[in-house]
Amino acid sequence: MSFTAKERLLLTRAFQAAWKALLKDERVTAQNIERAPTMLMEAIVEAAHTGERDELNLTAAAIARMTLYEHEARAAGIAQDKLH
């Protein structure tokens, strides 16, 4: 499945919204700053591949993926130091 230019713009907007939300909530840490963008985009693309085309739902899928990662990191005892 390939995406049209309009769909790629939608995916980009969803990514930007998710990234801004994480920054606003101070959820980007020294431990996840390299992995977070990839996780967000993977979640957005996976949701889009299932047919999702609503920007808010794509953004929510990305944030949900990050939340799952954070829960798994806490369970594994990985510190989540803030970047500020």
PDB file of N, CA and C in Angstrom:
ATOM      1  N   MET A   1       0.850  -1.178   0.000  1.00  0.00           N
ATOM      2  CA  MET A   1       0.000   0.000   0.000  1.00  0.00           C
ATOM      3  C   MET A   1       0.890   1.234   0.000  1.00  0.00           C
ATOM      4  N   SER A   2       0.626   2.130  -0.911  1.00  0.00           N
ATOM      5  CA  SER A   2       1.359   3.392  -0.914  1.00  0.00           C
ATOM      6  C   SER A   2       0.387   4.510  -0.537  1.00  0.00           C
ATOM      7  N   PHE A   3       0.959   5.626  -0.116  1.00  0.00           N
ATOM      8  CA  PHE A   3       0.156   6.759   0.324  1.00  0.00           C
ATOM      9  C   PHE A   3       0.234   7.875  -0.704  1.00  0.00           C
ATOM     10  N   THR A   4      -0.871   8.560  -0.904  1.00  0.00           N
ATOM     11  CA  THR A   4      -0.895   9.717  -1.790  1.00  0.00           C
ATOM     12  C   THR A   4      -0.188  10.883  -1.103  1.00  0.00           C
ATOM     13  N   ALA A   5       0.067  11.921  -1.845  1.00  0.00           N
ATOM     14  CA  ALA A   5       0.692  13.124  -1.269  1.00  0.00           C
ATOM     15  C   ALA A   5      -0.194  13.698  -0.168  1.00  0.00           C
ATOM     16  N   LYS A   6      -1.500  13.689  -0.377  1.00  0.00           N
ATOM     17  CA  LYS A   6      -2.436  14.202   0.624  1.00  0.00           C
ATOM     18  C   LYS A   6      -2.388  13.348   1.894  1.00  0.00           C
ATOM     19  N   GLU A   7      -2.317  12.026   1.723  1.00  0.00           N
ATOM     20  CA  GLU A   7      -2.236  11.138   2.880  1.00  0.00           C
ATOM     21  C   GLU A   7      -0.912  11.296   3.627  1.00  0.00           C
ATOM     22  N   ARG A   8       0.180  11.479   2.899  1.00  0.00           N
ATOM     23  CA  ARG A   8       1.478  11.701   3.554  1.00  0.00           C
ATOM     24  C   ARG A   8       1.468  12.987   4.368  1.00  0.00           C
ATOM     25  N   LEU A   9       0.807  14.005   3.868  1.00  0.00           N
ATOM     26  CA  LEU A   9       0.664  15.255   4.614  1.00  0.00           C
ATOM     27  C   LEU A   9      -0.145  15.014   5.894  1.00  0.00           C
ATOM     28  N   LEU A  10      -1.186  14.212   5.813  1.00  0.00           N
ATOM     29  CA  LEU A  10      -1.994  13.852   6.974  1.00  0.00           C
ATOM     30  C   LEU A  10      -1.141  13.119   8.009  1.00  0.00           C
ATOM     31  N   LEU A  11      -0.323  12.169   7.570  1.00  0.00           N
ATOM     32  CA  LEU A  11       0.557  11.437   8.479  1.00  0.00           C
ATOM     33  C   LEU A  11       1.557  12.376   9.146  1.00  0.00           C
ATOM     34  N   THR A  12       2.068  13.300   8.383  1.00  0.00           N
ATOM     35  CA  THR A  12       3.014  14.279   8.924  1.00  0.00           C
ATOM     36  C   THR A  12       2.359  15.153   9.979  1.00  0.00           C
ATOM     37  N   ARG A  13       1.149  15.613   9.704  1.00  0.00           N
ATOM     38  CA  ARG A  13       0.428  16.444  10.688  1.00  0.00           C
ATOM     39  C   ARG A  13       0.149  15.657  11.961  1.00  0.00           C
ATOM     40  N   ALA A  14      -0.221  14.391  11.826  1.00  0.00           N
ATOM     41  CA  ALA A  14      -0.467  13.555  13.005  1.00  0.00           C
ATOM     42  C   ALA A  14       0.811  13.384  13.810  1.00  0.00           C
ATOM     43  N   PHE A  15       1.926  13.157  13.127  1.00  0.00           N
ATOM     44  CA  PHE A  15       3.208  13.027  13.821  1.00  0.00           C
ATOM     45  C   PHE A  15       3.547  14.314  14.572  1.00  0.00           C
ATOM     46  N   GLN A  16       3.422  15.441  13.898  1.00  0.00           N
ATOM     47  CA  GLN A  16       3.742  16.722  14.529  1.00  0.00           C
ATOM     48  C   GLN A  16       2.864  16.969  15.748  1.00  0.00           C
ATOM     49  N   ALA A  17       1.590  16.645  15.655  1.00  0.00           N
ATOM     50  CA  ALA A  17       0.682  16.835  16.799  1.00  0.00           C
ATOM     51  C   ALA A  17       1.079  15.930  17.960  1.00  0.00           C
ATOM     52  N   ALA A  18       1.421  14.685  17.659  1.00  0.00           N
ATOM     53  CA  ALA A  18       1.824  13.752  18.715  1.00  0.00           C
ATOM     54  C   ALA A  18       3.133  14.215  19.359  1.00  0.00           C
ATOM     55  N   TRP A  19       4.084  14.623  18.552  1.00  0.00           N
ATOM     56  CA  TRP A  19       5.378  15.080  19.075  1.00  0.00           C
ATOM     57  C   TRP A  19       5.196  16.308  19.971  1.00  0.00           C
ATOM     58  N   LYS A  20       4.396  17.258  19.521  1.00  0.00           N
ATOM     59  CA  LYS A  20       4.135  18.458  20.322  1.00  0.00           C
ATOM     60  C   LYS A  20       3.466  18.099  21.650  1.00  0.00           C
ATOM     61  N   ALA A  21       2.539  17.147  21.617  1.00  0.00           N
ATOM     62  CA  ALA A  21       1.856  16.730  22.843  1.00  0.00           C
ATOM     63  C   ALA A  21       2.848  16.116  23.827  1.00  0.00           C
ATOM     64  N   LEU A  22       3.756  15.302  23.322  1.00  0.00           N
ATOM     65  CA  LEU A  22       4.770  14.695  24.194  1.00  0.00           C
ATOM     66  C   LEU A  22       5.688  15.759  24.786  1.00  0.00           C
ATOM     67  N   LEU A  23       6.088  16.713  23.976  1.00  0.00           N
ATOM     68  CA  LEU A  23       6.944  17.793  24.472  1.00  0.00           C
ATOM     69  C   LEU A  23       6.221  18.626  25.517  1.00  0.00           C
ATOM     70  N   LYS A  24       4.981  18.958  25.239  1.00  0.00           N
ATOM     71  CA  LYS A  24       4.183  19.772  26.166  1.00  0.00           C
ATOM     72  C   LYS A  24       4.037  19.077  27.518  1.00  0.00           C
ATOM     73  N   ASP A  25       3.828  17.769  27.486  1.00  0.00           N
ATOM     74  CA  ASP A  25       3.644  16.995  28.714  1.00  0.00           C
ATOM     75  C   ASP A  25       4.966  16.529  29.318  1.00  0.00           C
ATOM     76  N   GLU A  26       6.078  16.987  28.761  1.00  0.00           N
ATOM     77  CA  GLU A  26       7.428  16.635  29.225  1.00  0.00           C
ATOM     78  C   GLU A  26       7.642  15.123  29.275  1.00  0.00           C
ATOM     79  N   ARG A  27       7.179  14.439  28.243  1.00  0.00           N
ATOM     80  CA  ARG A  27       7.319  12.990  28.173  1.00  0.00           C
ATOM     81  C   ARG A  27       8.510  12.557  27.328  1.00  0.00           C
ATOM     82  N   VAL A  28       9.196  13.513  26.728  1.00  0.00           N
ATOM     83  CA  VAL A  28      10.418  13.195  25.995  1.00  0.00           C
ATOM     84  C   VAL A  28      11.553  13.243  27.004  1.00  0.00           C
ATOM     85  N   THR A  29      12.277  12.134  27.115  1.00  0.00           N
ATOM     86  CA  THR A  29      13.332  12.018  28.107  1.00  0.00           C
ATOM     87  C   THR A  29      14.661  11.700  27.440  1.00  0.00           C
ATOM     88  N   ALA A  30      15.715  11.769  28.236  1.00  0.00           N
ATOM     89  CA  ALA A  30      17.035  11.406  27.729  1.00  0.00           C
ATOM     90  C   ALA A  30      17.052   9.951  27.265  1.00  0.00           C
ATOM     91  N   GLN A  31      16.233   9.120  27.898  1.00  0.00           N
ATOM     92  CA  GLN A  31      16.208   7.703  27.557  1.00  0.00           C
ATOM     93  C   GLN A  31      15.381   7.390  26.302  1.00  0.00           C
ATOM     94  N   ASN A  32      14.430   8.243  25.954  1.00  0.00           N
ATOM     95  CA  ASN A  32      13.568   7.903  24.818  1.00  0.00           C
ATOM     96  C   ASN A  32      13.671   8.866  23.637  1.00  0.00           C
ATOM     97  N   ILE A  33      14.519   9.870  23.728  1.00  0.00           N
ATOM     98  CA  ILE A  33      14.543  10.898  22.681  1.00  0.00           C
ATOM     99  C   ILE A  33      14.925  10.341  21.306  1.00  0.00           C
ATOM    100  N   GLU A  34      15.750   9.323  21.267  1.00  0.00           N
ATOM    101  CA  GLU A  34      16.119   8.755  19.967  1.00  0.00           C
ATOM    102  C   GLU A  34      15.054   7.800  19.443  1.00  0.00           C
ATOM    103  N   ARG A  35      14.404   7.082  20.318  1.00  0.00           N
ATOM    104  CA  ARG A  35      13.422   6.069  19.913  1.00  0.00           C
ATOM    105  C   ARG A  35      12.018   6.659  19.711  1.00  0.00           C
ATOM    106  N   ALA A  36      11.685   7.706  20.429  1.00  0.00           N
ATOM    107  CA  ALA A  36      10.318   8.243  20.401  1.00  0.00           C
ATOM    108  C   ALA A  36       9.823   8.617  19.004  1.00  0.00           C
ATOM    109  N   PRO A  37      10.570   9.364  18.205  1.00  0.00           N
ATOM    110  CA  PRO A  37      10.045   9.716  16.884  1.00  0.00           C
ATOM    111  C   PRO A  37       9.730   8.487  16.019  1.00  0.00           C
ATOM    112  N   THR A  38      10.588   7.489  16.100  1.00  0.00           N
ATOM    113  CA  THR A  38      10.353   6.270  15.326  1.00  0.00           C
ATOM    114  C   THR A  38       9.097   5.556  15.809  1.00  0.00           C
ATOM    115  N   MET A  39       8.925   5.462  17.132  1.00  0.00           N
ATOM    116  CA  MET A  39       7.730   4.813  17.676  1.00  0.00           C
ATOM    117  C   MET A  39       6.466   5.535  17.230  1.00  0.00           C
ATOM    118  N   LEU A  40       6.501   6.855  17.269  1.00  0.00           N
ATOM    119  CA  LEU A  40       5.333   7.631  16.866  1.00  0.00           C
ATOM    120  C   LEU A  40       4.980   7.363  15.404  1.00  0.00           C
ATOM    121  N   MET A  41       5.986   7.448  14.546  1.00  0.00           N
ATOM    122  CA  MET A  41       5.713   7.276  13.118  1.00  0.00           C
ATOM    123  C   MET A  41       5.298   5.844  12.800  1.00  0.00           C
ATOM    124  N   GLU A  42       5.913   4.866  13.445  1.00  0.00           N
ATOM    125  CA  GLU A  42       5.500   3.477  13.222  1.00  0.00           C
ATOM    126  C   GLU A  42       4.028   3.287  13.590  1.00  0.00           C
ATOM    127  N   ALA A  43       3.612   3.839  14.718  1.00  0.00           N
ATOM    128  CA  ALA A  43       2.222   3.703  15.152  1.00  0.00           C
ATOM    129  C   ALA A  43       1.277   4.382  14.165  1.00  0.00           C
ATOM    130  N   ILE A  44       1.665   5.542  13.675  1.00  0.00           N
ATOM    131  CA  ILE A  44       0.828   6.277  12.724  1.00  0.00           C
ATOM    132  C   ILE A  44       0.706   5.509  11.413  1.00  0.00           C
ATOM    133  N   VAL A  45       1.814   5.019  10.900  1.00  0.00           N
ATOM    134  CA  VAL A  45       1.789   4.275   9.636  1.00  0.00           C
ATOM    135  C   VAL A  45       0.993   2.980   9.789  1.00  0.00           C
ATOM    136  N   GLU A  46       1.171   2.281  10.903  1.00  0.00           N
ATOM    137  CA  GLU A  46       0.404   1.050  11.135  1.00  0.00           C
ATOM    138  C   GLU A  46      -1.094   1.343  11.155  1.00  0.00           C
ATOM    139  N   ALA A  47      -1.486   2.406  11.839  1.00  0.00           N
ATOM    140  CA  ALA A  47      -2.904   2.766  11.884  1.00  0.00           C
ATOM    141  C   ALA A  47      -3.405   3.152  10.491  1.00  0.00           C
ATOM    142  N   ALA A  48      -2.589   3.870   9.746  1.00  0.00           N
ATOM    143  CA  ALA A  48      -2.977   4.275   8.395  1.00  0.00           C
ATOM    144  C   ALA A  48      -3.106   3.063   7.476  1.00  0.00           C
ATOM    145  N   HIS A  49      -2.240   2.080   7.664  1.00  0.00           N
ATOM    146  CA  HIS A  49      -2.317   0.868   6.833  1.00  0.00           C
ATOM    147  C   HIS A  49      -3.604   0.089   7.078  1.00  0.00           C
ATOM    148  N   THR A  50      -4.195   0.258   8.256  1.00  0.00           N
ATOM    149  CA  THR A  50      -5.467  -0.420   8.531  1.00  0.00           C
ATOM    150  C   THR A  50      -6.650   0.387   8.007  1.00  0.00           C
ATOM    151  N   GLY A  51      -6.359   1.560   7.425  1.00  0.00           N
ATOM    152  CA  GLY A  51      -7.410   2.373   6.821  1.00  0.00           C
ATOM    153  C   GLY A  51      -7.746   3.648   7.561  1.00  0.00           C
ATOM    154  N   GLU A  52      -7.116   3.877   8.704  1.00  0.00           N
ATOM    155  CA  GLU A  52      -7.407   5.095   9.476  1.00  0.00           C
ATOM    156  C   GLU A  52      -6.937   6.323   8.704  1.00  0.00           C
ATOM    157  N   ARG A  53      -7.804   7.303   8.590  1.00  0.00           N
ATOM    158  CA  ARG A  53      -7.455   8.544   7.893  1.00  0.00           C
ATOM    159  C   ARG A  53      -7.866   9.782   8.684  1.00  0.00           C
ATOM    160  N   ASP A  54      -8.219   9.613   9.934  1.00  0.00           N
ATOM    161  CA  ASP A  54      -8.564  10.747  10.779  1.00  0.00           C
ATOM    162  C   ASP A  54      -7.314  11.189  11.536  1.00  0.00           C
ATOM    163  N   GLU A  55      -6.955  12.455  11.395  1.00  0.00           N
ATOM    164  CA  GLU A  55      -5.728  12.963  12.010  1.00  0.00           C
ATOM    165  C   GLU A  55      -5.711  12.773  13.526  1.00  0.00           C
ATOM    166  N   LEU A  56      -6.824  13.047  14.175  1.00  0.00           N
ATOM    167  CA  LEU A  56      -6.873  12.885  15.632  1.00  0.00           C
ATOM    168  C   LEU A  56      -6.691  11.424  16.048  1.00  0.00           C
ATOM    169  N   ASN A  57      -7.282  10.511  15.302  1.00  0.00           N
ATOM    170  CA  ASN A  57      -7.130   9.092  15.619  1.00  0.00           C
ATOM    171  C   ASN A  57      -5.709   8.610  15.370  1.00  0.00           C
ATOM    172  N   LEU A  58      -5.077   9.119  14.328  1.00  0.00           N
ATOM    173  CA  LEU A  58      -3.678   8.767  14.055  1.00  0.00           C
ATOM    174  C   LEU A  58      -2.775   9.304  15.160  1.00  0.00           C
ATOM    175  N   THR A  59      -3.039  10.531  15.579  1.00  0.00           N
ATOM    176  CA  THR A  59      -2.273  11.132  16.675  1.00  0.00           C
ATOM    177  C   THR A  59      -2.462  10.319  17.950  1.00  0.00           C
ATOM    178  N   ALA A  60      -3.698   9.941  18.228  1.00  0.00           N
ATOM    179  CA  ALA A  60      -3.990   9.150  19.420  1.00  0.00           C
ATOM    180  C   ALA A  60      -3.283   7.804  19.383  1.00  0.00           C
ATOM    181  N   ALA A  61      -3.193   7.191  18.216  1.00  0.00           N
ATOM    182  CA  ALA A  61      -2.493   5.912  18.085  1.00  0.00           C
ATOM    183  C   ALA A  61      -1.019   6.072  18.434  1.00  0.00           C
ATOM    184  N   ALA A  62      -0.427   7.171  18.001  1.00  0.00           N
ATOM    185  CA  ALA A  62       0.985   7.424  18.298  1.00  0.00           C
ATOM    186  C   ALA A  62       1.204   7.655  19.785  1.00  0.00           C
ATOM    187  N   ILE A  63       0.344   8.431  20.401  1.00  0.00           N
ATOM    188  CA  ILE A  63       0.480   8.710  21.835  1.00  0.00           C
ATOM    189  C   ILE A  63       0.241   7.435  22.647  1.00  0.00           C
ATOM    190  N   ALA A  64      -0.700   6.614  22.203  1.00  0.00           N
ATOM    191  CA  ALA A  64      -0.959   5.343  22.890  1.00  0.00           C
ATOM    192  C   ALA A  64       0.276   4.447  22.819  1.00  0.00           C
ATOM    193  N   ARG A  65       0.964   4.437  21.677  1.00  0.00           N
ATOM    194  CA  ARG A  65       2.188   3.637  21.546  1.00  0.00           C
ATOM    195  C   ARG A  65       3.243   4.127  22.532  1.00  0.00           C
ATOM    196  N   MET A  66       3.352   5.442  22.681  1.00  0.00           N
ATOM    197  CA  MET A  66       4.323   6.002  23.614  1.00  0.00           C
ATOM    198  C   MET A  66       3.960   5.643  25.046  1.00  0.00           C
ATOM    199  N   THR A  67       2.692   5.684  25.370  1.00  0.00           N
ATOM    200  CA  THR A  67       2.233   5.325  26.710  1.00  0.00           C
ATOM    201  C   THR A  67       2.581   3.870  27.017  1.00  0.00           C
ATOM    202  N   LEU A  68       2.367   2.990  26.058  1.00  0.00           N
ATOM    203  CA  LEU A  68       2.716   1.579  26.244  1.00  0.00           C
ATOM    204  C   LEU A  68       4.218   1.433  26.490  1.00  0.00           C
ATOM    205  N   TYR A  69       5.022   2.128  25.707  1.00  0.00           N
ATOM    206  CA  TYR A  69       6.470   2.091  25.880  1.00  0.00           C
ATOM    207  C   TYR A  69       6.857   2.562  27.285  1.00  0.00           C
ATOM    208  N   GLU A  70       6.233   3.642  27.746  1.00  0.00           N
ATOM    209  CA  GLU A  70       6.548   4.171  29.077  1.00  0.00           C
ATOM    210  C   GLU A  70       6.183   3.172  30.172  1.00  0.00           C
ATOM    211  N   HIS A  71       5.045   2.519  30.025  1.00  0.00           N
ATOM    212  CA  HIS A  71       4.637   1.515  31.018  1.00  0.00           C
ATOM    213  C   HIS A  71       5.619   0.342  31.028  1.00  0.00           C
ATOM    214  N   GLU A  72       6.030  -0.088  29.853  1.00  0.00           N
ATOM    215  CA  GLU A  72       6.989  -1.190  29.760  1.00  0.00           C
ATOM    216  C   GLU A  72       8.334  -0.791  30.357  1.00  0.00           C
ATOM    217  N   ALA A  73       8.745   0.447  30.123  1.00  0.00           N
ATOM    218  CA  ALA A  73      10.016   0.926  30.667  1.00  0.00           C
ATOM    219  C   ALA A  73       9.960   0.975  32.190  1.00  0.00           C
ATOM    220  N   ARG A  74       8.835   1.466  32.732  1.00  0.00           N
ATOM    221  CA  ARG A  74       8.681   1.491  34.188  1.00  0.00           C
ATOM    222  C   ARG A  74       8.714   0.084  34.770  1.00  0.00           C
ATOM    223  N   ALA A  75       8.045  -0.842  34.112  1.00  0.00           N
ATOM    224  CA  ALA A  75       8.009  -2.227  34.585  1.00  0.00           C
ATOM    225  C   ALA A  75       9.405  -2.851  34.557  1.00  0.00           C
ATOM    226  N   ALA A  76      10.214  -2.418  33.603  1.00  0.00           N
ATOM    227  CA  ALA A  76      11.582  -2.937  33.486  1.00  0.00           C
ATOM    228  C   ALA A  76      12.545  -2.181  34.396  1.00  0.00           C
ATOM    229  N   GLY A  77      12.054  -1.146  35.067  1.00  0.00           N
ATOM    230  CA  GLY A  77      12.892  -0.376  35.985  1.00  0.00           C
ATOM    231  C   GLY A  77      13.798   0.624  35.313  1.00  0.00           C
ATOM    232  N   ILE A  78      13.434   1.060  34.107  1.00  0.00           N
ATOM    233  CA  ILE A  78      14.239   2.042  33.381  1.00  0.00           C
ATOM    234  C   ILE A  78      13.819   3.437  33.816  1.00  0.00           C
ATOM    235  N   ALA A  79      14.789   4.250  34.245  1.00  0.00           N
ATOM    236  CA  ALA A  79      14.499   5.619  34.689  1.00  0.00           C
ATOM    237  C   ALA A  79      14.009   6.450  33.512  1.00  0.00           C
ATOM    238  N   GLN A  80      13.126   7.396  33.796  1.00  0.00           N
ATOM    239  CA  GLN A  80      12.574   8.289  32.783  1.00  0.00           C
ATOM    240  C   GLN A  80      12.935   9.733  33.131  1.00  0.00           C
ATOM    241  N   ASP A  81      14.211  10.045  33.160  1.00  0.00           N
ATOM    242  CA  ASP A  81      14.658  11.387  33.517  1.00  0.00           C
ATOM    243  C   ASP A  81      14.197  12.406  32.490  1.00  0.00           C
ATOM    244  N   LYS A  82      13.659  13.520  32.982  1.00  0.00           N
ATOM    245  CA  LYS A  82      13.209  14.596  32.103  1.00  0.00           C
ATOM    246  C   LYS A  82      14.424  15.283  31.476  1.00  0.00           C
ATOM    247  N   LEU A  83      14.211  15.953  30.364  1.00  0.00           N
ATOM    248  CA  LEU A  83      15.308  16.605  29.644  1.00  0.00           C
ATOM    249  C   LEU A  83      15.603  18.015  30.129  1.00  0.00           C
ATOM    250  N   HIS A  84      14.719  18.622  30.887  1.00  0.00           N
ATOM    251  CA  HIS A  84      14.934  20.023  31.260  1.00  0.00           C
ATOM    252  C   HIS A  84      15.895  20.196  32.378  1.00  0.00           C
TER     253      HIS A  84
END
